[in-house]
Amino acid sequence: MLRAAGRELLDDTVESIGELEENFRDIERANRWLGGLAAVDFAMRALRPQTILDVGCGSADTAHFLARQARSAGRTVRITCLDVHPDVLAIAQKRHADPDLRFVVGDGASLPFEDATFDVAMCNLTLHHCDPPAAVALLGELRRVARAAPVVTDLRRSRVAWAGAALMVSIFTRNRLTRHDAPLSVLRAYAPREALELAREAGWKNPQVRRTPFYRMVICDV
């Protein structure tokens, strides 16, 4: 099954902030119930970072989850949430204001930070938005600013995952962005083998991939 071309509606400017916020609520539900947060939690348990950069943070639900997880374990983690769209960051601050989160406008292909600034640099459901050259640039930047490890979680492309996404959005949401983008996201996702090749091209020394439930994957370099 070849990776699909095309752009998701979320890749461009969305005029309706209300529609955009509703789309992020749908993504948060999918992260909560369909393996997104579990994949990130799995990756972070062994690393136990004190500082994290979250590139393409969306509504910051993942960052907020990690901050709460750390506090419940008696630790503190400082997370910088970065997104190229100011409107997205405004939604993130509204939905998940947290004393351990800060919000920065920036481009994942050219991060505004020095080398090894963070223990972990991560992105979640962001890689599939990038064509291969942009994906290599993003992965290279994650590796550059991470002291311990870059961590990427994303969808795994498959016909079954596409069919499941198409069915679920047809039943559970009326949001125009979600109904268009969710099935297309699966078709644009990289296969694990492809993701590893991109990571090596980006300069990761020992990239590893783990398949996780509901057609997710975790890629890290430790």
C-alpha atoms as a PDB file:
ATOM      1  CA  MET A   1       0.000   0.000   0.000  1.00  0.00           C
ATOM      2  CA  LEU A   2       1.699   3.181  -1.194  1.00  0.00           C
ATOM      3  CA  ARG A   3       1.758   6.333   0.900  1.00  0.00           C
ATOM      4  CA  ALA A   4      -0.834   8.861  -0.302  1.00  0.00           C
ATOM      5  CA  ALA A   5      -0.058  12.387  -1.413  1.00  0.00           C
ATOM      6  CA  GLY A   6      -2.332  15.342  -0.750  1.00  0.00           C
ATOM      7  CA  ARG A   7      -2.816  17.793   2.057  1.00  0.00           C
ATOM      8  CA  GLU A   8      -4.994  17.626   5.113  1.00  0.00           C
ATOM      9  CA  LEU A   9      -7.249  20.556   5.927  1.00  0.00           C
ATOM     10  CA  LEU A  10      -5.318  21.039   9.171  1.00  0.00           C
ATOM     11  CA  ASP A  11      -2.153  21.708   7.134  1.00  0.00           C
ATOM     12  CA  ASP A  12      -3.589  25.022   5.981  1.00  0.00           C
ATOM     13  CA  THR A  13      -5.124  27.993   7.756  1.00  0.00           C
ATOM     14  CA  VAL A  14      -8.537  27.157   9.212  1.00  0.00           C
ATOM     15  CA  GLU A  15     -10.819  30.179   9.287  1.00  0.00           C
ATOM     16  CA  SER A  16     -13.155  28.967  12.042  1.00  0.00           C
ATOM     17  CA  ILE A  17     -11.452  28.755  15.444  1.00  0.00           C
ATOM     18  CA  GLY A  18     -14.483  26.938  16.819  1.00  0.00           C
ATOM     19  CA  GLU A  19     -14.266  24.296  14.097  1.00  0.00           C
ATOM     20  CA  LEU A  20     -10.528  23.940  14.734  1.00  0.00           C
ATOM     21  CA  GLU A  21     -11.031  23.528  18.473  1.00  0.00           C
ATOM     22  CA  GLU A  22     -13.698  20.883  17.879  1.00  0.00           C
ATOM     23  CA  ASN A  23     -11.258  19.026  15.615  1.00  0.00           C
ATOM     24  CA  PHE A  24      -8.676  19.009  18.401  1.00  0.00           C
ATOM     25  CA  ARG A  25     -11.274  17.641  20.811  1.00  0.00           C
ATOM     26  CA  ASP A  26     -11.746  14.745  18.392  1.00  0.00           C
ATOM     27  CA  ILE A  27      -7.971  14.189  18.217  1.00  0.00           C
ATOM     28  CA  GLU A  28      -7.765  14.235  22.014  1.00  0.00           C
ATOM     29  CA  ARG A  29     -10.440  11.541  22.250  1.00  0.00           C
ATOM     30  CA  ALA A  30      -8.566   9.415  19.734  1.00  0.00           C
ATOM     31  CA  ASN A  31      -5.315   9.873  21.674  1.00  0.00           C
ATOM     32  CA  ARG A  32      -7.029   8.923  24.923  1.00  0.00           C
ATOM     33  CA  TRP A  33      -8.915   5.854  23.691  1.00  0.00           C
ATOM     34  CA  LEU A  34      -6.974   4.656  20.647  1.00  0.00           C
ATOM     35  CA  GLY A  35      -3.427   4.396  21.902  1.00  0.00           C
ATOM     36  CA  GLY A  36      -1.887   7.826  21.378  1.00  0.00           C
ATOM     37  CA  LEU A  37      -1.229   8.688  25.019  1.00  0.00           C
ATOM     38  CA  ALA A  38      -0.291   5.091  25.822  1.00  0.00           C
ATOM     39  CA  ALA A  39       2.377   5.135  23.098  1.00  0.00           C
ATOM     40  CA  VAL A  40       3.933   8.316  24.474  1.00  0.00           C
ATOM     41  CA  ASP A  41       3.755   7.030  28.039  1.00  0.00           C
ATOM     42  CA  PHE A  42       5.554   3.849  26.998  1.00  0.00           C
ATOM     43  CA  ALA A  43       8.376   5.845  25.407  1.00  0.00           C
ATOM     44  CA  MET A  44       8.825   8.224  28.343  1.00  0.00           C
ATOM     45  CA  ARG A  45       8.812   5.713  31.203  1.00  0.00           C
ATOM     46  CA  ALA A  46      12.354   4.525  30.528  1.00  0.00           C
ATOM     47  CA  LEU A  47      13.702   8.012  29.745  1.00  0.00           C
ATOM     48  CA  ARG A  48      12.249   9.908  32.757  1.00  0.00           C
ATOM     49  CA  PRO A  49      13.097  13.313  31.249  1.00  0.00           C
ATOM     50  CA  GLN A  50      13.077  16.567  33.198  1.00  0.00           C
ATOM     51  CA  THR A  51      12.744  18.758  30.103  1.00  0.00           C
ATOM     52  CA  ILE A  52      10.767  17.980  26.943  1.00  0.00           C
ATOM     53  CA  LEU A  53      10.164  19.784  23.680  1.00  0.00           C
ATOM     54  CA  ASP A  54       6.829  18.894  22.026  1.00  0.00           C
ATOM     55  CA  VAL A  55       6.997  19.856  18.334  1.00  0.00           C
ATOM     56  CA  GLY A  56       3.680  20.286  16.563  1.00  0.00           C
ATOM     57  CA  CYS A  57       1.982  20.178  19.939  1.00  0.00           C
ATOM     58  CA  GLY A  58      -1.569  20.692  18.688  1.00  0.00           C
ATOM     59  CA  SER A  59      -3.889  21.257  21.633  1.00  0.00           C
ATOM     60  CA  ALA A  60      -1.092  20.176  24.061  1.00  0.00           C
ATOM     61  CA  ASP A  61      -3.112  17.249  25.380  1.00  0.00           C
ATOM     62  CA  THR A  62      -0.039  14.998  25.226  1.00  0.00           C
ATOM     63  CA  ALA A  63       2.167  17.525  27.020  1.00  0.00           C
ATOM     64  CA  HIS A  64      -0.484  18.052  29.675  1.00  0.00           C
ATOM     65  CA  PHE A  65      -0.801  14.287  30.131  1.00  0.00           C
ATOM     66  CA  LEU A  66       2.958  13.920  30.637  1.00  0.00           C
ATOM     67  CA  ALA A  67       3.080  16.805  33.115  1.00  0.00           C
ATOM     68  CA  ARG A  68       0.264  15.248  35.159  1.00  0.00           C
ATOM     69  CA  GLN A  69       1.905  11.812  35.013  1.00  0.00           C
ATOM     70  CA  ALA A  70       5.159  13.251  36.325  1.00  0.00           C
ATOM     71  CA  ARG A  71       3.460  15.120  39.171  1.00  0.00           C
ATOM     72  CA  SER A  72       1.560  12.016  40.221  1.00  0.00           C
ATOM     73  CA  ALA A  73       4.925  10.212  40.468  1.00  0.00           C
ATOM     74  CA  GLY A  74       6.430  12.996  42.574  1.00  0.00           C
ATOM     75  CA  ARG A  75       8.518  14.436  39.741  1.00  0.00           C
ATOM     76  CA  THR A  76       8.424  17.653  37.742  1.00  0.00           C
ATOM     77  CA  VAL A  77       8.855  17.872  34.001  1.00  0.00           C
ATOM     78  CA  ARG A  78       9.068  21.165  32.144  1.00  0.00           C
ATOM     79  CA  ILE A  79       7.580  20.964  28.662  1.00  0.00           C
ATOM     80  CA  THR A  80       7.946  23.475  25.854  1.00  0.00           C
ATOM     81  CA  CYS A  81       5.023  23.206  23.428  1.00  0.00           C
ATOM     82  CA  LEU A  82       5.884  24.433  19.939  1.00  0.00           C
ATOM     83  CA  ASP A  83       3.605  24.886  16.951  1.00  0.00           C
ATOM     84  CA  VAL A  84       3.918  26.908  13.770  1.00  0.00           C
ATOM     85  CA  HIS A  85       0.315  28.186  14.008  1.00  0.00           C
ATOM     86  CA  PRO A  86      -0.456  30.856  16.657  1.00  0.00           C
ATOM     87  CA  ASP A  87      -4.163  29.958  16.562  1.00  0.00           C
ATOM     88  CA  VAL A  88      -3.309  26.371  17.519  1.00  0.00           C
ATOM     89  CA  LEU A  89      -1.212  27.564  20.451  1.00  0.00           C
ATOM     90  CA  ALA A  90      -4.063  29.806  21.590  1.00  0.00           C
ATOM     91  CA  ILE A  91      -6.341  26.763  21.676  1.00  0.00           C
ATOM     92  CA  ALA A  92      -3.670  24.779  23.546  1.00  0.00           C
ATOM     93  CA  GLN A  93      -3.316  27.470  26.201  1.00  0.00           C
ATOM     94  CA  LYS A  94      -7.086  27.653  26.569  1.00  0.00           C
ATOM     95  CA  ARG A  95      -7.619  23.903  26.829  1.00  0.00           C
ATOM     96  CA  HIS A  96      -4.551  22.818  28.769  1.00  0.00           C
ATOM     97  CA  ALA A  97      -3.084  25.692  30.742  1.00  0.00           C
ATOM     98  CA  ASP A  98      -0.530  24.132  33.095  1.00  0.00           C
ATOM     99  CA  PRO A  99       2.270  25.677  35.178  1.00  0.00           C
ATOM    100  CA  ASP A 100       4.763  23.156  33.765  1.00  0.00           C
ATOM    101  CA  LEU A 101       3.977  24.017  30.132  1.00  0.00           C
ATOM    102  CA  ARG A 102       5.211  26.966  28.098  1.00  0.00           C
ATOM    103  CA  PHE A 103       4.146  27.793  24.554  1.00  0.00           C
ATOM    104  CA  VAL A 104       6.367  28.906  21.661  1.00  0.00           C
ATOM    105  CA  VAL A 105       5.637  29.678  18.017  1.00  0.00           C
ATOM    106  CA  GLY A 106       8.170  27.945  15.793  1.00  0.00           C
ATOM    107  CA  ASP A 107       8.862  25.695  12.822  1.00  0.00           C
ATOM    108  CA  GLY A 108       9.882  22.074  13.419  1.00  0.00           C
ATOM    109  CA  ALA A 109      12.205  22.167  10.406  1.00  0.00           C
ATOM    110  CA  SER A 110      14.278  24.949  11.982  1.00  0.00           C
ATOM    111  CA  LEU A 111      13.906  24.870  15.746  1.00  0.00           C
ATOM    112  CA  PRO A 112      14.818  28.073  17.611  1.00  0.00           C
ATOM    113  CA  PHE A 113      16.925  26.289  20.242  1.00  0.00           C
ATOM    114  CA  GLU A 114      20.575  25.430  20.801  1.00  0.00           C
ATOM    115  CA  ASP A 115      21.897  21.897  20.424  1.00  0.00           C
ATOM    116  CA  ALA A 116      20.991  19.515  23.273  1.00  0.00           C
ATOM    117  CA  THR A 117      18.642  22.009  24.927  1.00  0.00           C
ATOM    118  CA  PHE A 118      16.122  19.369  26.076  1.00  0.00           C
ATOM    119  CA  ASP A 119      16.379  15.897  27.553  1.00  0.00           C
ATOM    120  CA  VAL A 120      13.792  14.679  25.024  1.00  0.00           C
ATOM    121  CA  ALA A 121      12.468  16.241  21.830  1.00  0.00           C
ATOM    122  CA  MET A 122       9.262  14.626  20.654  1.00  0.00           C
ATOM    123  CA  CYS A 123       6.511  14.959  18.111  1.00  0.00           C
ATOM    124  CA  ASN A 124       3.175  13.178  18.098  1.00  0.00           C
ATOM    125  CA  LEU A 125       0.924  12.774  15.057  1.00  0.00           C
ATOM    126  CA  THR A 126       3.142  15.264  13.224  1.00  0.00           C
ATOM    127  CA  LEU A 127       5.460  13.180  11.072  1.00  0.00           C
ATOM    128  CA  HIS A 128       2.745  12.052   8.659  1.00  0.00           C
ATOM    129  CA  HIS A 129       2.044  15.688   7.769  1.00  0.00           C
ATOM    130  CA  CYS A 130       5.540  15.908   6.233  1.00  0.00           C
ATOM    131  CA  ASP A 131       6.685  14.670   2.844  1.00  0.00           C
ATOM    132  CA  PRO A 132      10.011  12.772   3.021  1.00  0.00           C
ATOM    133  CA  PRO A 133      12.397  15.764   2.701  1.00  0.00           C
ATOM    134  CA  ALA A 134      10.454  17.707   5.333  1.00  0.00           C
ATOM    135  CA  ALA A 135      10.281  14.613   7.541  1.00  0.00           C
ATOM    136  CA  VAL A 136      14.074  14.228   7.386  1.00  0.00           C
ATOM    137  CA  ALA A 137      14.489  17.903   8.314  1.00  0.00           C
ATOM    138  CA  LEU A 138      12.128  17.527  11.271  1.00  0.00           C
ATOM    139  CA  LEU A 139      13.778  14.330  12.502  1.00  0.00           C
ATOM    140  CA  GLY A 140      17.202  15.913  12.197  1.00  0.00           C
ATOM    141  CA  GLU A 141      16.129  18.891  14.283  1.00  0.00           C
ATOM    142  CA  LEU A 142      14.612  16.643  16.949  1.00  0.00           C
ATOM    143  CA  ARG A 143      17.912  14.739  17.165  1.00  0.00           C
ATOM    144  CA  ARG A 144      19.919  17.992  17.331  1.00  0.00           C
ATOM    145  CA  VAL A 145      18.093  19.553  20.285  1.00  0.00           C
ATOM    146  CA  ALA A 146      17.669  16.322  22.309  1.00  0.00           C
ATOM    147  CA  ARG A 147      20.313  15.384  24.872  1.00  0.00           C
ATOM    148  CA  ALA A 148      18.977  11.913  25.636  1.00  0.00           C
ATOM    149  CA  ALA A 149      16.668  10.952  22.792  1.00  0.00           C
ATOM    150  CA  PRO A 150      14.247  12.126  20.141  1.00  0.00           C
ATOM    151  CA  VAL A 151      10.865  10.386  20.332  1.00  0.00           C
ATOM    152  CA  VAL A 152       8.254  10.245  17.581  1.00  0.00           C
ATOM    153  CA  THR A 153       4.829   8.655  17.826  1.00  0.00           C
ATOM    154  CA  ASP A 154       2.530   8.412  14.861  1.00  0.00           C
ATOM    155  CA  LEU A 155       0.045   6.315  12.952  1.00  0.00           C
ATOM    156  CA  ARG A 156       0.945   3.186  10.981  1.00  0.00           C
ATOM    157  CA  ARG A 157      -0.385   3.048   7.451  1.00  0.00           C
ATOM    158  CA  SER A 158      -2.623   0.104   6.638  1.00  0.00           C
ATOM    159  CA  ARG A 159      -5.897  -0.615   4.871  1.00  0.00           C
ATOM    160  CA  VAL A 160      -7.457  -1.850   8.110  1.00  0.00           C
ATOM    161  CA  ALA A 161      -6.497   1.346   9.956  1.00  0.00           C
ATOM    162  CA  TRP A 162      -7.873   3.462   7.104  1.00  0.00           C
ATOM    163  CA  ALA A 163     -11.181   1.575   7.096  1.00  0.00           C
ATOM    164  CA  GLY A 164     -11.451   1.893  10.874  1.00  0.00           C
ATOM    165  CA  ALA A 165     -10.761   5.619  10.799  1.00  0.00           C
ATOM    166  CA  ALA A 166     -13.286   6.201   8.024  1.00  0.00           C
ATOM    167  CA  LEU A 167     -15.968   4.249   9.880  1.00  0.00           C
ATOM    168  CA  MET A 168     -15.353   5.901  13.249  1.00  0.00           C
ATOM    169  CA  VAL A 169     -15.454   9.478  11.997  1.00  0.00           C
ATOM    170  CA  SER A 170     -18.622   8.761  10.036  1.00  0.00           C
ATOM    171  CA  ILE A 171     -20.292   7.661  13.283  1.00  0.00           C
ATOM    172  CA  PHE A 172     -18.767   9.751  16.066  1.00  0.00           C
ATOM    173  CA  THR A 173     -18.195  13.260  14.712  1.00  0.00           C
ATOM    174  CA  ARG A 174     -19.749  15.842  12.442  1.00  0.00           C
ATOM    175  CA  ASN A 175     -16.609  17.972  12.326  1.00  0.00           C
ATOM    176  CA  ARG A 176     -15.607  18.698   8.741  1.00  0.00           C
ATOM    177  CA  LEU A 177     -11.886  18.710   9.495  1.00  0.00           C
ATOM    178  CA  THR A 178     -11.939  15.410  11.372  1.00  0.00           C
ATOM    179  CA  ARG A 179     -14.070  13.625   8.794  1.00  0.00           C
ATOM    180  CA  HIS A 180     -11.739  14.686   5.981  1.00  0.00           C
ATOM    181  CA  ASP A 181      -8.381  14.449   7.741  1.00  0.00           C
ATOM    182  CA  ALA A 182      -8.594  11.312   9.900  1.00  0.00           C
ATOM    183  CA  PRO A 183      -8.769   8.738   7.065  1.00  0.00           C
ATOM    184  CA  LEU A 184      -6.273  10.739   4.999  1.00  0.00           C
ATOM    185  CA  SER A 185      -3.871  10.849   7.960  1.00  0.00           C
ATOM    186  CA  VAL A 186      -3.706   7.046   7.920  1.00  0.00           C
ATOM    187  CA  LEU A 187      -3.020   7.003   4.180  1.00  0.00           C
ATOM    188  CA  ARG A 188      -0.261   9.608   4.599  1.00  0.00           C
ATOM    189  CA  ALA A 189       1.345   7.814   7.546  1.00  0.00           C
ATOM    190  CA  TYR A 190       4.695   6.100   7.129  1.00  0.00           C
ATOM    191  CA  ALA A 191       5.215   2.380   7.519  1.00  0.00           C
ATOM    192  CA  PRO A 192       7.670   1.487  10.312  1.00  0.00           C
ATOM    193  CA  ARG A 193      10.358   0.521   7.794  1.00  0.00           C
ATOM    194  CA  GLU A 194       9.970   3.853   6.014  1.00  0.00           C
ATOM    195  CA  ALA A 195      10.152   5.790   9.274  1.00  0.00           C
ATOM    196  CA  LEU A 196      13.403   4.044  10.196  1.00  0.00           C
ATOM    197  CA  GLU A 197      14.907   4.920   6.826  1.00  0.00           C
ATOM    198  CA  LEU A 198      13.963   8.569   7.285  1.00  0.00           C
ATOM    199  CA  ALA A 199      15.455   8.605  10.783  1.00  0.00           C
ATOM    200  CA  ARG A 200      18.751   7.173   9.547  1.00  0.00           C
ATOM    201  CA  GLU A 201      18.859   9.734   6.761  1.00  0.00           C
ATOM    202  CA  ALA A 202      18.306  12.427   9.400  1.00  0.00           C
ATOM    203  CA  GLY A 203      21.377  11.288  11.333  1.00  0.00           C
ATOM    204  CA  TRP A 204      19.838   9.133  14.045  1.00  0.00           C
ATOM    205  CA  LYS A 205      22.508   6.648  15.138  1.00  0.00           C
ATOM    206  CA  ASN A 206      20.406   3.777  16.451  1.00  0.00           C
ATOM    207  CA  PRO A 207      16.750   4.341  15.514  1.00  0.00           C
ATOM    208  CA  GLN A 208      14.318   1.757  16.794  1.00  0.00           C
ATOM    209  CA  VAL A 209      10.615   1.360  16.136  1.00  0.00           C
ATOM    210  CA  ARG A 210       7.966  -0.352  18.229  1.00  0.00           C
ATOM    211  CA  ARG A 211       4.477  -1.109  16.976  1.00  0.00           C
ATOM    212  CA  THR A 212       1.830  -0.229  19.536  1.00  0.00           C
ATOM    213  CA  PRO A 213      -1.935  -0.925  19.647  1.00  0.00           C
ATOM    214  CA  PHE A 214      -4.488   0.578  17.309  1.00  0.00           C
ATOM    215  CA  TYR A 215      -2.005   1.097  14.472  1.00  0.00           C
ATOM    216  CA  ARG A 216       0.374   3.442  16.254  1.00  0.00           C
ATOM    217  CA  MET A 217       4.155   3.309  16.423  1.00  0.00           C
ATOM    218  CA  VAL A 218       6.967   4.773  18.540  1.00  0.00           C
ATOM    219  CA  ILE A 219      10.336   5.657  16.996  1.00  0.00           C
ATOM    220  CA  CYS A 220      13.247   6.640  19.233  1.00  0.00           C
ATOM    221  CA  ASP A 221      17.035   6.928  19.113  1.00  0.00           C
ATOM    222  CA  VAL A 222      18.794   5.934  22.333  1.00  0.00           C
END
